[in-house]
Amino acid sequence: MYSFTEYEKQKHSEITGGKSIASILASMNGGVLPQDRGQIAALLKLVPEGTLSRYTAGQMEAVIEFSTEDLDLNSMKALLDEMREDLAWYESDPRYDRRVYG
């Protein structure tokens, strides 16, 4: 999730930012995504409930919220189509389902 967000920001100049529970945890951990489950659990306890519920749905779903330059409808559709292709191609754990909504 975190690496995909960074990849998309580098690949598409029209993407101006990306935020997820992973990026929040990384910012709480000095800019580094924690790798230890205990550290992740401890940091999650510090995330305000409103923020947690915005970027997660229980322990099964998480959201990446991308921000972009002001794009017309056709440009936004093209970007979303490219992001869907990127997501299908991007290597990730096969146990997880990934989708682009927008």
Protein backbone atom coordinates (compact mmCIF):
# COMPACT_ATOMS: atom_id res chain seq x y z
CA MET A 1 0.00 0.00 0.00
CA TYR A 2 2.68 2.46 1.02
CA SER A 3 5.03 1.55 -1.82
CA PHE A 4 2.20 1.60 -4.38
CA THR A 5 1.26 5.11 -3.29
CA GLU A 6 4.86 6.27 -3.70
CA TYR A 7 5.09 4.53 -7.08
CA GLU A 8 1.94 6.25 -8.36
CA LYS A 9 3.10 9.67 -7.16
CA GLN A 10 6.39 9.23 -9.01
CA LYS A 11 4.80 7.85 -12.17
CA HIS A 12 1.94 10.34 -12.60
CA SER A 13 2.85 14.01 -12.31
CA GLU A 14 -0.82 14.93 -11.94
CA ILE A 15 -0.97 13.08 -8.61
CA THR A 16 -0.05 15.60 -5.93
CA GLY A 17 -0.38 13.37 -2.87
CA GLY A 18 -1.49 10.09 -1.41
CA LYS A 19 -2.60 9.25 2.09
CA SER A 20 -3.42 5.94 3.71
CA ILE A 21 -3.18 4.30 7.09
CA ALA A 22 0.28 3.15 5.97
CA SER A 23 1.45 6.69 5.27
CA ILE A 24 0.04 7.84 8.61
CA LEU A 25 1.93 5.10 10.44
CA ALA A 26 5.11 5.94 8.54
CA SER A 27 4.82 9.61 9.48
CA MET A 28 4.34 8.62 13.13
CA ASN A 29 7.47 6.46 12.87
CA GLY A 30 9.93 9.03 11.57
CA GLY A 31 9.01 8.57 7.91
CA VAL A 32 9.65 4.82 7.91
CA LEU A 33 6.89 2.24 7.61
CA PRO A 34 7.06 0.02 10.71
CA GLN A 35 7.70 -3.66 9.93
CA ASP A 36 7.08 -5.22 13.34
CA ARG A 37 3.46 -6.18 14.18
CA GLY A 38 3.91 -5.01 17.75
CA GLN A 39 5.11 -1.60 16.66
CA ILE A 40 2.25 -1.32 14.15
CA ALA A 41 -0.29 -2.24 16.83
CA ALA A 42 1.18 0.30 19.25
CA LEU A 43 1.07 3.08 16.65
CA LEU A 44 -2.49 2.17 15.59
CA LYS A 45 -3.61 2.75 19.19
CA LEU A 46 -2.37 6.35 18.86
CA VAL A 47 -4.28 7.12 15.65
CA PRO A 48 -7.47 9.11 16.36
CA GLU A 49 -10.63 7.08 15.71
CA GLY A 50 -11.88 9.49 13.04
CA THR A 51 -8.66 9.14 11.10
CA LEU A 52 -8.60 5.37 11.52
CA SER A 53 -12.18 4.99 10.28
CA ARG A 54 -11.46 7.24 7.27
CA TYR A 55 -8.65 5.01 6.01
CA THR A 56 -9.71 1.56 7.25
CA ALA A 57 -12.81 -0.61 7.56
CA GLY A 58 -12.03 -2.91 10.45
CA GLN A 59 -9.02 -5.12 9.91
CA MET A 60 -10.02 -6.19 6.40
CA GLU A 61 -10.06 -3.06 4.25
CA ALA A 62 -7.88 -0.02 3.79
CA VAL A 63 -8.08 2.99 1.50
CA ILE A 64 -5.48 5.07 -0.30
CA GLU A 65 -6.75 8.60 -0.88
CA PHE A 66 -4.99 10.27 -3.81
CA SER A 67 -5.09 13.98 -4.51
CA THR A 68 -4.54 15.36 -7.99
CA GLU A 69 -4.17 18.55 -9.90
CA ASP A 70 -7.45 19.99 -11.16
CA LEU A 71 -8.24 17.63 -14.06
CA ASP A 72 -11.07 17.62 -16.57
CA LEU A 73 -13.30 14.56 -16.68
CA ASN A 74 -11.50 12.88 -19.60
CA SER A 75 -8.08 13.38 -18.01
CA MET A 76 -9.33 11.99 -14.69
CA LYS A 77 -10.82 8.96 -16.44
CA ALA A 78 -7.52 8.36 -18.28
CA LEU A 79 -5.59 8.62 -15.01
CA LEU A 80 -7.92 6.18 -13.27
CA ASP A 81 -7.61 3.73 -16.16
CA GLU A 82 -3.81 3.93 -15.94
CA MET A 83 -3.93 3.46 -12.17
CA ARG A 84 -6.10 0.35 -12.61
CA GLU A 85 -3.51 -1.05 -15.02
CA ASP A 86 -0.72 -0.16 -12.59
CA LEU A 87 -2.53 -1.90 -9.75
CA ALA A 88 -3.08 -5.05 -11.82
CA TRP A 89 0.61 -5.09 -12.72
CA TYR A 90 2.06 -4.01 -9.36
CA GLU A 91 3.44 -6.90 -7.34
CA SER A 92 1.63 -7.48 -4.08
CA ASP A 93 0.55 -10.23 -1.74
CA PRO A 94 -1.88 -12.51 -3.63
CA ARG A 95 -3.97 -12.96 -0.46
CA TYR A 96 -5.29 -9.42 -0.86
CA ASP A 97 -7.82 -8.07 -3.30
CA ARG A 98 -7.08 -4.63 -4.79
CA ARG A 99 -9.42 -2.23 -6.59
CA VAL A 100 -9.38 1.35 -7.83
CA TYR A 101 -12.49 3.41 -7.16
CA GLY A 102 -12.97 6.96 -8.22
